[in-house]
C-alpha cells in the first residue's frame, strides 16, 4: 500500500480534508532510512498503511491481504486464542501488531504468540508502542504469488529474521500447496534435544495439523480448517 501524504492545506492548492484518493501518493526514495521513532510517526500519520521497518531503516510497504487470506487468518487466530484461553500463560497478537526486534527492525507477523510473563515484564509505554521483543511463535501466510512482500521468498527472509532474533518456533503456511515450513530456533527450547543442536527448516506436505511441542505445550493447530478458508 502506498503512503498517503498528510491532508493538504489551502496554501498547497488542495482543499483540506480532501479524500485520500484525490491526493497524489507519497513516493519514497529507495535510499530513505528511518529510525524506529520516525517510523512510529509515519505509521501514526498513515493509519491505513501496512508498513514494516527493516534493521537498516528501510521502509517496507505491504499490500492489504485478499479475502481468502483474511478468512484464513481469522480461522488461524481463533484457534490460537482458544488454545491460549484454555492453557493460560500466553498472549496472542494479530497481524496489525509490529514487534521491535533486537536487531532494530519492526516486523508484523500474520499471527504471533508471546509468553504472558514476557509481556507483563514490559512497561505500559512499551506495550502501547511496538513491543520490544521477538514473539515465541510467529506464523506467516504466503500468498499464491511468489512476488512482492507476501511472496514465499520474501516471507522466508522474514522467517530467518525472526529466528535469529529469538523466535522459538515459526510456521510458514502455503495454503495453495497445503504445505507448511517449520522454522525452529537455532538452539532448541527442549533441553533433551541437546545443547547447541541446530535444527534445519522442515517442510510438511499435505499437512493437516501442527503441534507446538515443548515450545507451546498443548497447542495443536488444525491447518486443515485454515486451508478451507
Protein backbone atom coordinates (compact mmCIF):
# COMPACT_ATOMS: atom_id res chain seq x y z
CA UNK A 1 0.00 0.00 0.00
CA UNK A 2 1.34 3.45 -0.83
CA UNK A 3 1.57 6.02 1.92
CA UNK A 4 -0.79 8.91 1.53
CA UNK A 5 0.62 12.35 2.43
CA UNK A 6 -0.97 14.42 5.19
CA UNK A 7 -4.11 16.29 4.24
CA UNK A 8 -3.13 19.34 2.21
CA UNK A 9 -3.92 22.86 3.34
CA UNK A 10 -5.39 25.56 1.05
CA UNK A 11 -1.90 27.02 0.68
CA UNK A 12 -0.80 23.95 -1.26
CA UNK A 13 -3.64 24.22 -3.74
CA UNK A 14 -5.54 21.15 -2.45
CA UNK A 15 -8.51 21.63 -0.12
CA UNK A 16 -8.08 20.49 3.45
CA UNK A 17 -9.98 17.31 4.19
CA UNK A 18 -9.82 16.12 0.60
CA UNK A 19 -10.29 12.34 0.28
CA UNK A 20 -7.10 10.29 0.18
CA UNK A 21 -7.92 9.14 -3.34
CA UNK A 22 -7.74 12.74 -4.55
CA UNK A 23 -4.20 13.19 -3.25
CA UNK A 24 -1.08 12.07 -5.06
CA UNK A 25 0.69 9.12 -3.39
CA UNK A 26 3.84 9.84 -1.46
CA UNK A 27 6.77 8.28 -3.30
CA UNK A 28 9.65 7.22 -1.09
CA UNK A 29 13.24 7.28 -2.37
CA UNK A 30 14.88 3.85 -2.08
CA UNK A 31 17.78 5.29 -0.09
CA UNK A 32 15.45 6.65 2.62
CA UNK A 33 16.28 5.30 6.08
CA UNK A 34 14.18 5.86 9.20
CA UNK A 35 14.76 5.45 12.90
CA UNK A 36 12.20 3.47 14.89
CA UNK A 37 10.89 6.75 16.30
CA UNK A 38 10.48 8.23 12.82
CA UNK A 39 8.83 5.01 11.66
CA UNK A 40 6.31 5.28 14.51
CA UNK A 41 5.44 8.83 13.40
CA UNK A 42 4.95 7.66 9.79
CA UNK A 43 2.63 4.87 10.97
CA UNK A 44 0.68 7.29 13.15
CA UNK A 45 0.25 9.71 10.24
CA UNK A 46 -0.82 6.88 7.89
CA UNK A 47 -3.06 4.55 9.92
CA UNK A 48 -4.40 2.83 6.79
CA UNK A 49 -0.94 1.91 5.51
CA UNK A 50 0.60 -1.52 6.15
CA UNK A 51 4.26 -0.91 6.91
CA UNK A 52 7.33 -2.67 8.27
CA UNK A 53 10.82 -1.42 9.08
CA UNK A 54 14.00 -3.34 8.34
CA UNK A 55 17.00 -3.28 10.67
CA UNK A 56 18.85 -0.86 8.34
CA UNK A 57 15.95 1.63 8.50
CA UNK A 58 14.45 0.73 5.13
CA UNK A 59 10.68 1.15 4.98
CA UNK A 60 8.71 -1.76 3.50
CA UNK A 61 5.19 -1.12 2.23
CA UNK A 62 2.88 -4.12 2.34
CA UNK A 63 -0.32 -4.62 0.37
CA UNK A 64 -3.57 -5.45 2.17
CA UNK A 65 -4.44 -9.15 2.24
CA UNK A 66 -7.03 -10.56 -0.13
CA UNK A 67 -10.31 -12.04 1.00
CA UNK A 68 -9.16 -15.67 1.15
CA UNK A 69 -6.05 -14.80 3.16
CA UNK A 70 -8.14 -12.67 5.51
CA UNK A 71 -10.55 -15.54 6.15
CA UNK A 72 -7.73 -17.98 6.74
CA UNK A 73 -6.00 -15.60 9.12
CA UNK A 74 -9.23 -15.24 11.11
CA UNK A 75 -9.51 -19.02 11.45
CA UNK A 76 -5.85 -19.16 12.49
CA UNK A 77 -6.26 -16.54 15.20
CA UNK A 78 -9.45 -18.16 16.51
CA UNK A 79 -7.60 -21.43 17.11
CA UNK A 80 -4.65 -19.71 18.76
CA UNK A 81 -6.87 -17.66 21.07
CA UNK A 82 -8.96 -20.70 22.06
CA UNK A 83 -5.76 -22.55 22.99
CA UNK A 84 -4.35 -19.56 24.90
CA UNK A 85 -7.59 -19.16 26.86
CA UNK A 86 -7.68 -22.83 27.82
CA UNK A 87 -3.96 -23.18 28.52
CA UNK A 88 -3.27 -19.86 30.25
CA UNK A 89 0.05 -18.07 30.33
CA UNK A 90 0.10 -16.91 26.70
CA UNK A 91 -0.85 -13.77 24.76
CA UNK A 92 -1.96 -13.85 21.09
CA UNK A 93 -1.43 -10.99 18.61
CA UNK A 94 -2.85 -10.37 15.15
CA UNK A 95 -1.18 -9.04 12.01
CA UNK A 96 -1.63 -5.39 12.98
CA UNK A 97 0.98 -5.69 15.76
CA UNK A 98 4.51 -4.55 14.99
CA UNK A 99 7.27 -6.04 17.16
CA UNK A 100 10.55 -4.20 17.65
CA UNK A 101 13.08 -6.99 17.32
CA UNK A 102 16.53 -6.97 18.95
CA UNK A 103 18.20 -6.07 15.62
CA UNK A 104 16.13 -2.85 15.44
CA UNK A 105 13.66 -3.96 12.78
CA UNK A 106 9.89 -3.67 13.26
CA UNK A 107 8.05 -6.64 11.76
CA UNK A 108 4.42 -7.73 11.86
CA UNK A 109 3.78 -11.48 11.55
CA UNK A 110 0.30 -12.61 10.49
CA UNK A 111 -0.06 -14.15 13.95
CA UNK A 112 2.19 -14.24 16.99
CA UNK A 113 2.21 -15.77 20.47
CA UNK A 114 4.20 -14.47 23.45
CA UNK A 115 4.61 -15.92 26.92
CA UNK A 116 2.49 -13.89 29.31
CA UNK A 117 5.39 -13.37 31.72
CA UNK A 118 7.44 -11.74 28.94
CA UNK A 119 4.51 -9.50 28.01
CA UNK A 120 3.88 -8.50 31.62
CA UNK A 121 7.57 -7.65 32.06
CA UNK A 122 7.14 -4.77 29.60
CA UNK A 123 6.23 -1.30 30.82
CA UNK A 124 2.82 0.18 29.91
CA UNK A 125 4.57 2.51 27.46
CA UNK A 126 6.34 -0.41 25.78
CA UNK A 127 3.05 -2.27 25.43
CA UNK A 128 1.36 0.73 23.81
CA UNK A 129 4.11 1.07 21.22
CA UNK A 130 5.97 -1.59 19.26
CA UNK A 131 6.67 -4.26 21.91
CA UNK A 132 10.48 -4.61 22.17
CA UNK A 133 10.67 -8.38 21.93
CA UNK A 134 10.54 -11.23 19.43
CA UNK A 135 7.48 -13.48 19.79
CA UNK A 136 7.91 -17.07 20.90
CA UNK A 137 5.81 -18.26 17.95
CA UNK A 138 5.45 -16.46 14.63
CA UNK A 139 3.15 -17.51 11.79
CA UNK A 140 3.04 -16.17 8.25
CA UNK A 141 0.57 -16.95 5.44
CA UNK A 142 2.12 -16.95 1.97
CA UNK A 143 0.17 -15.59 -1.00
CA UNK A 144 -0.37 -17.56 -4.20
CA UNK A 145 2.08 -15.27 -5.99
CA UNK A 146 5.80 -15.60 -5.35
CA UNK A 147 6.33 -11.87 -5.94
CA UNK A 148 6.12 -8.95 -3.54
CA UNK A 149 6.40 -8.74 0.26
CA UNK A 150 3.83 -11.51 0.78
CA UNK A 151 5.53 -13.92 -1.63
CA UNK A 152 7.31 -17.04 -0.43
CA UNK A 153 10.88 -15.78 -0.80
CA UNK A 154 10.17 -12.50 0.99
CA UNK A 155 8.46 -14.39 3.81
CA UNK A 156 11.35 -16.84 4.09
CA UNK A 157 13.66 -13.88 4.63
CA UNK A 158 11.32 -12.68 7.39
CA UNK A 159 11.24 -16.13 8.99
CA UNK A 160 15.03 -16.15 9.04
CA UNK A 161 14.99 -12.76 10.76
CA UNK A 162 12.52 -13.98 13.37
CA UNK A 163 14.74 -16.97 14.07
CA UNK A 164 17.99 -15.03 14.51
CA UNK A 165 16.13 -12.53 16.72
CA UNK A 166 14.98 -15.21 19.15
CA UNK A 167 11.74 -16.78 17.93
CA UNK A 168 11.45 -20.29 19.33
CA UNK A 169 9.17 -21.56 16.57
CA UNK A 170 7.94 -20.32 13.20
CA UNK A 171 5.28 -21.71 10.86
CA UNK A 172 5.18 -20.53 7.25
CA UNK A 173 1.89 -21.66 5.72
CA UNK A 174 1.32 -22.22 1.99
CA UNK A 175 -2.48 -22.61 1.65
CA UNK A 176 -2.47 -23.14 -2.12
CA UNK A 177 0.00 -26.02 -1.70
CA UNK A 178 -1.42 -27.26 1.62
CA UNK A 179 2.16 -27.25 2.90
CA UNK A 180 3.98 -25.83 5.92
CA UNK A 181 7.59 -24.89 6.56
CA UNK A 182 8.62 -25.28 10.21
CA UNK A 183 11.33 -22.89 11.37
CA UNK A 184 12.73 -23.93 14.72
CA UNK A 185 15.08 -21.98 16.96
CA UNK A 186 18.78 -22.45 16.26
CA UNK A 187 19.13 -23.67 19.83
CA UNK A 188 16.03 -25.69 20.72
CA UNK A 189 13.99 -24.81 23.80
CA UNK A 190 13.71 -28.55 24.55
CA UNK A 191 16.75 -29.44 26.70
CA UNK A 192 16.51 -33.08 25.58
CA UNK A 193 17.33 -32.03 22.01
CA UNK A 194 20.92 -31.50 23.04
CA UNK A 195 22.87 -28.31 23.71
CA UNK A 196 23.50 -26.26 20.59
CA UNK A 197 21.68 -28.71 18.32
CA UNK A 198 20.95 -26.74 15.16
CA UNK A 199 17.60 -27.67 13.63
CA UNK A 200 17.07 -27.23 9.91
CA UNK A 201 13.89 -25.89 8.38
CA UNK A 202 11.41 -28.72 7.80
CA UNK A 203 8.70 -28.79 5.13
CA UNK A 204 5.49 -30.77 5.56
CA UNK A 205 3.41 -31.64 2.50
CA UNK A 206 -0.35 -32.11 2.77
CA UNK A 207 -0.20 -31.01 6.40
CA UNK A 208 -3.36 -31.44 8.44
CA UNK A 209 -2.18 -30.27 11.88
CA UNK A 210 0.80 -28.72 13.64
CA UNK A 211 1.97 -29.46 17.18
CA UNK A 212 3.52 -26.75 19.37
CA UNK A 213 5.59 -29.39 21.14
CA UNK A 214 7.79 -28.33 24.05
CA UNK A 215 7.71 -24.68 22.95
CA UNK A 216 3.93 -24.28 23.19
CA UNK A 217 2.58 -27.24 25.20
CA UNK A 218 -0.91 -28.36 24.28
CA UNK A 219 -1.14 -26.35 21.06
CA UNK A 220 -2.41 -28.38 18.12
CA UNK A 221 -3.22 -26.20 15.12
CA UNK A 222 -5.71 -27.78 12.74
CA UNK A 223 -4.37 -26.39 9.48
CA UNK A 224 -6.97 -28.38 7.53
CA UNK A 225 -9.50 -25.80 8.73
CA UNK A 226 -7.21 -22.98 7.61
CA UNK A 227 -6.80 -24.47 4.12
CA UNK A 228 -10.60 -24.43 3.80
CA UNK A 229 -10.59 -20.65 4.28
